[in-house]
Amino acid sequence: MKKIASFTVNHLTLLPGIYVSRKDHVGAEVVTTFDIRMTRPNFEPVMNTAEIHTIEHLGATFLRNHKDFADKTVYFGPMGCRTGFYLLLAGDYDSKDIVELLKEMFAFIKDFKDEVPGAAARDCGNYLDMNLPMANYVAKKFYDEVLMNITEDRLVYAE
């Protein structure tokens, strides 16, 4: 079988950042998939499921309520390797196009102190697996160390 695109990225040199993973055509529409890489693969510890789950709830809630991107958000969810998230947006975008959006989203997550949206048995299949303090921590780390001074090498996959 042909290797899928995300498995062709060199994970030994990949740094935390925002990358276009792929662009797909669905009818006349382009869907852009972003690799939001929060930890360095195979070098840093991966995130635990509780903070990933919390970030997923907060990030999805933020995006689906965003004034400009609510109707463009197709999906936001974790990578199986637990080093980051995928964001799928309707439209043809480059990584630089969503830096401000992600700054807003990660500022929201790092500062969030209320009840996590959807963190109830009626709303979620694993509502007890949440960790808001760790979600705040890893969101702040990504916000401070990557998003606030993001450079070109953190926006485009290295060859």
Protein backbone atom coordinates (compact mmCIF):
# COMPACT_ATOMS: atom_id res chain seq x y z
CA MET A 1 0.00 0.00 0.00
CA LYS A 2 1.03 3.57 -0.63
CA LYS A 3 2.26 5.43 2.47
CA ILE A 4 -0.11 8.24 3.47
CA ALA A 5 1.23 11.80 3.40
CA SER A 6 1.43 12.28 7.18
CA PHE A 7 3.75 9.25 7.45
CA THR A 8 6.20 10.80 4.98
CA VAL A 9 6.99 13.75 7.30
CA ASN A 10 10.30 13.25 9.10
CA HIS A 11 9.19 13.04 12.72
CA LEU A 12 12.82 13.06 13.89
CA THR A 13 13.27 16.67 12.79
CA LEU A 14 9.68 17.95 13.16
CA LEU A 15 9.36 20.88 15.57
CA PRO A 16 6.25 22.19 17.30
CA GLY A 17 4.36 24.50 14.93
CA ILE A 18 1.46 24.85 12.51
CA TYR A 19 1.77 22.95 9.25
CA VAL A 20 -0.47 22.28 6.26
CA SER A 21 -0.75 18.51 6.30
CA ARG A 22 -2.84 18.22 3.14
CA LYS A 23 -5.43 19.85 0.92
CA ASP A 24 -8.35 17.84 -0.36
CA HIS A 25 -11.04 18.69 -2.88
CA VAL A 26 -14.61 17.90 -1.91
CA GLY A 27 -16.69 18.85 -4.90
CA ALA A 28 -15.73 22.43 -5.73
CA GLU A 29 -14.53 23.12 -2.16
CA VAL A 30 -11.00 22.78 -0.81
CA VAL A 31 -10.57 21.38 2.71
CA THR A 32 -7.23 22.24 4.34
CA THR A 33 -5.93 19.93 7.06
CA PHE A 34 -3.56 21.52 9.55
CA ASP A 35 -1.07 19.68 11.74
CA ILE A 36 -0.99 21.65 15.00
CA ARG A 37 2.09 20.07 16.52
CA MET A 38 2.34 20.98 20.20
CA THR A 39 5.22 18.74 21.30
CA ARG A 40 8.33 17.56 19.50
CA PRO A 41 7.71 13.98 18.36
CA ASN A 42 9.98 11.30 19.80
CA PHE A 43 11.88 13.86 21.93
CA GLU A 44 9.38 15.38 24.37
CA PRO A 45 6.83 13.51 26.45
CA VAL A 46 3.46 13.20 24.74
CA MET A 47 0.40 14.82 26.25
CA ASN A 48 -1.82 12.66 28.45
CA THR A 49 -5.33 11.83 27.32
CA ALA A 50 -7.00 13.96 30.01
CA GLU A 51 -5.44 17.25 28.88
CA ILE A 52 -5.86 16.34 25.20
CA HIS A 53 -9.52 15.59 25.81
CA THR A 54 -9.96 18.91 27.62
CA ILE A 55 -8.21 20.84 24.83
CA GLU A 56 -10.42 19.05 22.29
CA HIS A 57 -13.60 20.16 24.09
CA LEU A 58 -12.37 23.74 24.55
CA GLY A 59 -10.85 24.08 21.08
CA ALA A 60 -13.89 22.67 19.29
CA THR A 61 -16.22 24.91 21.32
CA PHE A 62 -14.06 27.97 20.57
CA LEU A 63 -13.79 27.23 16.84
CA ARG A 64 -17.48 26.43 16.34
CA ASN A 65 -18.39 29.72 18.00
CA HIS A 66 -15.76 31.88 16.27
CA LYS A 67 -17.17 34.88 14.40
CA ASP A 68 -15.16 34.14 11.23
CA PHE A 69 -14.40 30.42 11.36
CA ALA A 70 -17.52 28.78 12.87
CA ASP A 71 -18.92 27.86 9.46
CA LYS A 72 -15.51 26.89 8.09
CA THR A 73 -14.58 24.47 10.88
CA VAL A 74 -14.96 20.89 9.66
CA TYR A 75 -13.08 19.10 12.47
CA PHE A 76 -10.76 19.68 15.42
CA GLY A 77 -9.35 16.68 17.24
CA PRO A 78 -6.27 14.97 18.62
CA MET A 79 -3.60 13.01 16.82
CA GLY A 80 -3.32 9.40 17.89
CA CYS A 81 0.34 9.92 18.80
CA ARG A 82 -0.74 12.59 21.33
CA THR A 83 1.74 15.22 20.07
CA GLY A 84 -0.88 17.60 18.72
CA PHE A 85 -4.16 18.14 16.92
CA TYR A 86 -5.64 18.19 13.45
CA LEU A 87 -7.76 21.12 12.35
CA LEU A 88 -9.74 20.81 9.12
CA LEU A 89 -11.06 24.03 7.61
CA ALA A 90 -13.23 24.51 4.55
CA GLY A 91 -11.14 26.69 2.25
CA ASP A 92 -7.70 26.89 0.70
CA TYR A 93 -5.35 28.12 3.43
CA ASP A 94 -1.67 28.33 4.28
CA SER A 95 -0.37 28.01 7.83
CA LYS A 96 0.27 31.74 8.15
CA ASP A 97 -3.43 32.34 7.46
CA ILE A 98 -4.48 30.80 10.78
CA VAL A 99 -1.76 32.03 13.16
CA GLU A 100 -4.02 34.72 14.62
CA LEU A 101 -6.91 32.27 14.94
CA LEU A 102 -4.70 29.84 16.86
CA LYS A 103 -3.34 32.62 19.06
CA GLU A 104 -6.94 33.47 19.98
CA MET A 105 -7.85 29.82 20.53
CA PHE A 106 -4.83 28.94 22.67
CA ALA A 107 -5.22 32.16 24.69
CA PHE A 108 -8.79 31.06 25.35
CA ILE A 109 -7.65 27.58 26.41
CA LYS A 110 -4.70 28.69 28.55
CA ASP A 111 -6.88 31.17 30.47
CA PHE A 112 -10.05 29.06 30.73
CA LYS A 113 -11.11 28.50 34.37
CA ASP A 114 -14.81 27.59 34.13
CA GLU A 115 -16.62 24.28 33.73
CA VAL A 116 -15.36 22.53 30.58
CA PRO A 117 -18.12 22.54 27.92
CA GLY A 118 -19.53 19.07 27.39
CA ALA A 119 -17.82 17.58 30.45
CA ALA A 120 -20.91 15.75 31.71
CA ALA A 121 -22.04 12.14 31.38
CA ARG A 122 -24.99 13.16 29.21
CA ASP A 123 -22.74 15.08 26.78
CA CYS A 124 -19.54 13.01 26.55
CA GLY A 125 -18.61 9.33 26.44
CA ASN A 126 -15.64 9.75 28.78
CA TYR A 127 -16.41 12.93 30.71
CA LEU A 128 -14.27 11.98 33.73
CA ASP A 129 -11.07 11.94 31.65
CA MET A 130 -10.46 15.69 31.81
CA ASN A 131 -7.63 17.74 33.29
CA LEU A 132 -8.20 21.49 32.97
CA PRO A 133 -5.04 22.60 34.87
CA MET A 134 -2.83 20.53 32.57
CA ALA A 135 -4.74 21.70 29.51
CA ASN A 136 -4.13 25.29 30.66
CA TYR A 137 -0.44 24.48 31.16
CA VAL A 138 0.25 22.82 27.79
CA ALA A 139 -1.82 25.47 25.95
CA LYS A 140 0.20 28.23 27.65
CA LYS A 141 3.48 26.48 26.79
CA PHE A 142 2.49 26.22 23.11
CA TYR A 143 1.18 29.79 23.08
CA ASP A 144 4.32 31.25 24.69
CA GLU A 145 7.01 29.09 23.09
CA VAL A 146 5.61 28.67 19.58
CA LEU A 147 2.71 30.95 18.65
CA MET A 148 3.91 34.27 20.05
CA ASN A 149 7.06 34.37 17.92
CA ILE A 150 6.34 31.80 15.22
CA THR A 151 8.91 31.59 12.43
CA GLU A 152 8.76 30.22 8.89
CA ASP A 153 10.42 26.94 9.93
CA ARG A 154 7.43 26.32 12.23
CA LEU A 155 4.90 27.00 9.43
CA VAL A 156 6.17 24.79 6.59
CA TYR A 157 7.38 21.19 6.81
CA ALA A 158 11.12 20.82 6.29
CA GLU A 159 12.11 18.98 3.11
